[in-house]
Protein backbone atom coordinates (compact mmCIF):
# COMPACT_ATOMS: atom_id res chain seq x y z
CA UNK A 1 0.00 0.00 0.00
CA UNK A 2 1.41 3.41 -0.94
CA UNK A 3 0.96 6.68 0.82
CA UNK A 4 -0.75 9.11 -1.56
CA UNK A 5 -1.65 11.76 0.97
CA UNK A 6 -1.61 15.32 -0.37
CA UNK A 7 0.54 17.86 1.46
CA UNK A 8 -1.58 20.19 3.57
CA UNK A 9 0.58 23.27 3.04
CA UNK A 10 2.16 24.54 -0.15
CA UNK A 11 5.85 23.86 -0.53
CA UNK A 12 7.80 27.05 0.14
CA UNK A 13 10.77 27.86 -2.00
CA UNK A 14 13.96 28.15 0.04
CA UNK A 15 15.75 31.46 -0.40
CA UNK A 16 19.49 31.81 -0.30
CA UNK A 17 20.97 32.66 3.11
CA UNK A 18 21.82 36.23 2.16
CA UNK A 19 18.24 36.89 0.97
CA UNK A 20 16.51 35.81 4.18
CA UNK A 21 15.52 38.47 6.64
CA UNK A 22 16.07 36.75 10.00
CA UNK A 23 19.70 35.65 9.71
CA UNK A 24 20.80 38.87 8.04
CA UNK A 25 19.13 41.00 10.73
CA UNK A 26 21.04 38.99 13.32
CA UNK A 27 24.33 39.61 11.50
CA UNK A 28 23.56 43.34 11.28
CA UNK A 29 22.77 43.43 15.00
CA UNK A 30 26.07 41.70 15.80
CA UNK A 31 27.92 44.27 13.66
CA UNK A 32 26.23 47.13 15.50
CA UNK A 33 27.02 45.60 18.90
CA UNK A 34 30.62 44.93 17.85
CA UNK A 35 31.06 48.51 16.67
CA UNK A 36 29.63 49.78 19.95
CA UNK A 37 32.03 47.65 21.98
CA UNK A 38 34.95 48.71 19.78
CA UNK A 39 34.03 52.36 20.36
CA UNK A 40 34.14 52.09 24.16
CA UNK A 41 37.20 49.93 24.70
CA UNK A 42 40.32 51.75 25.94
CA UNK A 43 43.04 49.33 24.79
CA UNK A 44 43.60 49.35 21.02
CA UNK A 45 43.51 52.43 18.84
CA UNK A 46 42.93 50.31 15.71
CA UNK A 47 39.63 48.98 17.11
CA UNK A 48 38.55 52.50 18.02
CA UNK A 49 39.49 53.73 14.55
CA UNK A 50 37.21 51.27 12.74
CA UNK A 51 34.34 51.34 15.24
CA UNK A 52 32.34 54.07 13.50
CA UNK A 53 32.67 52.34 10.13
CA UNK A 54 31.43 49.10 11.68
CA UNK A 55 28.51 50.85 13.40
CA UNK A 56 27.48 52.55 10.17
CA UNK A 57 27.80 49.32 8.16
CA UNK A 58 25.62 47.43 10.62
CA UNK A 59 23.03 50.21 10.71
CA UNK A 60 22.77 50.54 6.93
CA UNK A 61 22.66 46.76 6.58
CA UNK A 62 19.86 46.54 9.15
CA UNK A 63 17.82 49.23 7.39
CA UNK A 64 18.19 47.49 4.02
CA UNK A 65 17.60 43.96 5.31
CA UNK A 66 14.52 44.96 7.29
CA UNK A 67 12.81 45.56 3.94
CA UNK A 68 13.35 41.94 2.81
CA UNK A 69 10.35 39.58 2.86
CA UNK A 70 10.26 37.03 5.66
C-alpha atoms as a PDB file:
ATOM      1  CA  UNK A   1       0.000   0.000   0.000  1.00  0.00           C
ATOM      2  CA  UNK A   2       1.406   3.409  -0.940  1.00  0.00           C
ATOM      3  CA  UNK A   3       0.965   6.684   0.824  1.00  0.00           C
ATOM      4  CA  UNK A   4      -0.754   9.114  -1.562  1.00  0.00           C
ATOM      5  CA  UNK A   5      -1.646  11.765   0.966  1.00  0.00           C
ATOM      6  CA  UNK A   6      -1.611  15.321  -0.372  1.00  0.00           C
ATOM      7  CA  UNK A   7       0.540  17.857   1.460  1.00  0.00           C
ATOM      8  CA  UNK A   8      -1.579  20.192   3.571  1.00  0.00           C
ATOM      9  CA  UNK A   9       0.579  23.273   3.042  1.00  0.00           C
ATOM     10  CA  UNK A  10       2.158  24.540  -0.155  1.00  0.00           C
ATOM     11  CA  UNK A  11       5.851  23.862  -0.531  1.00  0.00           C
ATOM     12  CA  UNK A  12       7.803  27.047   0.136  1.00  0.00           C
ATOM     13  CA  UNK A  13      10.767  27.856  -2.005  1.00  0.00           C
ATOM     14  CA  UNK A  14      13.960  28.151   0.042  1.00  0.00           C
ATOM     15  CA  UNK A  15      15.752  31.455  -0.398  1.00  0.00           C
ATOM     16  CA  UNK A  16      19.494  31.813  -0.302  1.00  0.00           C
ATOM     17  CA  UNK A  17      20.970  32.661   3.106  1.00  0.00           C
ATOM     18  CA  UNK A  18      21.817  36.232   2.157  1.00  0.00           C
ATOM     19  CA  UNK A  19      18.243  36.888   0.965  1.00  0.00           C
ATOM     20  CA  UNK A  20      16.514  35.808   4.181  1.00  0.00           C
ATOM     21  CA  UNK A  21      15.523  38.468   6.645  1.00  0.00           C
ATOM     22  CA  UNK A  22      16.065  36.752  10.000  1.00  0.00           C
ATOM     23  CA  UNK A  23      19.697  35.650   9.708  1.00  0.00           C
ATOM     24  CA  UNK A  24      20.795  38.870   8.038  1.00  0.00           C
ATOM     25  CA  UNK A  25      19.129  41.001  10.727  1.00  0.00           C
ATOM     26  CA  UNK A  26      21.043  38.985  13.316  1.00  0.00           C
ATOM     27  CA  UNK A  27      24.332  39.607  11.495  1.00  0.00           C
ATOM     28  CA  UNK A  28      23.558  43.344  11.276  1.00  0.00           C
ATOM     29  CA  UNK A  29      22.769  43.431  14.996  1.00  0.00           C
ATOM     30  CA  UNK A  30      26.069  41.702  15.801  1.00  0.00           C
ATOM     31  CA  UNK A  31      27.920  44.267  13.658  1.00  0.00           C
ATOM     32  CA  UNK A  32      26.235  47.132  15.500  1.00  0.00           C
ATOM     33  CA  UNK A  33      27.025  45.597  18.899  1.00  0.00           C
ATOM     34  CA  UNK A  34      30.623  44.928  17.854  1.00  0.00           C
ATOM     35  CA  UNK A  35      31.058  48.508  16.672  1.00  0.00           C
ATOM     36  CA  UNK A  36      29.631  49.781  19.949  1.00  0.00           C
ATOM     37  CA  UNK A  37      32.034  47.648  21.978  1.00  0.00           C
ATOM     38  CA  UNK A  38      34.953  48.708  19.784  1.00  0.00           C
ATOM     39  CA  UNK A  39      34.034  52.356  20.362  1.00  0.00           C
ATOM     40  CA  UNK A  40      34.142  52.093  24.157  1.00  0.00           C
ATOM     41  CA  UNK A  41      37.201  49.929  24.698  1.00  0.00           C
ATOM     42  CA  UNK A  42      40.322  51.750  25.938  1.00  0.00           C
ATOM     43  CA  UNK A  43      43.045  49.330  24.794  1.00  0.00           C
ATOM     44  CA  UNK A  44      43.601  49.346  21.025  1.00  0.00           C
ATOM     45  CA  UNK A  45      43.511  52.427  18.841  1.00  0.00           C
ATOM     46  CA  UNK A  46      42.931  50.309  15.710  1.00  0.00           C
ATOM     47  CA  UNK A  47      39.632  48.980  17.105  1.00  0.00           C
ATOM     48  CA  UNK A  48      38.550  52.496  18.022  1.00  0.00           C
ATOM     49  CA  UNK A  49      39.493  53.726  14.548  1.00  0.00           C
ATOM     50  CA  UNK A  50      37.208  51.267  12.745  1.00  0.00           C
ATOM     51  CA  UNK A  51      34.337  51.337  15.243  1.00  0.00           C
ATOM     52  CA  UNK A  52      32.341  54.067  13.499  1.00  0.00           C
ATOM     53  CA  UNK A  53      32.668  52.337  10.130  1.00  0.00           C
ATOM     54  CA  UNK A  54      31.429  49.096  11.683  1.00  0.00           C
ATOM     55  CA  UNK A  55      28.514  50.849  13.399  1.00  0.00           C
ATOM     56  CA  UNK A  56      27.477  52.547  10.169  1.00  0.00           C
ATOM     57  CA  UNK A  57      27.803  49.325   8.165  1.00  0.00           C
ATOM     58  CA  UNK A  58      25.618  47.435  10.622  1.00  0.00           C
ATOM     59  CA  UNK A  59      23.032  50.211  10.712  1.00  0.00           C
ATOM     60  CA  UNK A  60      22.773  50.543   6.932  1.00  0.00           C
ATOM     61  CA  UNK A  61      22.663  46.756   6.579  1.00  0.00           C
ATOM     62  CA  UNK A  62      19.858  46.537   9.151  1.00  0.00           C
ATOM     63  CA  UNK A  63      17.819  49.230   7.389  1.00  0.00           C
ATOM     64  CA  UNK A  64      18.185  47.491   4.022  1.00  0.00           C
ATOM     65  CA  UNK A  65      17.602  43.957   5.306  1.00  0.00           C
ATOM     66  CA  UNK A  66      14.522  44.956   7.287  1.00  0.00           C
ATOM     67  CA  UNK A  67      12.806  45.565   3.936  1.00  0.00           C
ATOM     68  CA  UNK A  68      13.349  41.940   2.808  1.00  0.00           C
ATOM     69  CA  UNK A  69      10.347  39.576   2.858  1.00  0.00           C
ATOM     70  CA  UNK A  70      10.258  37.033   5.663  1.00  0.00           C
END
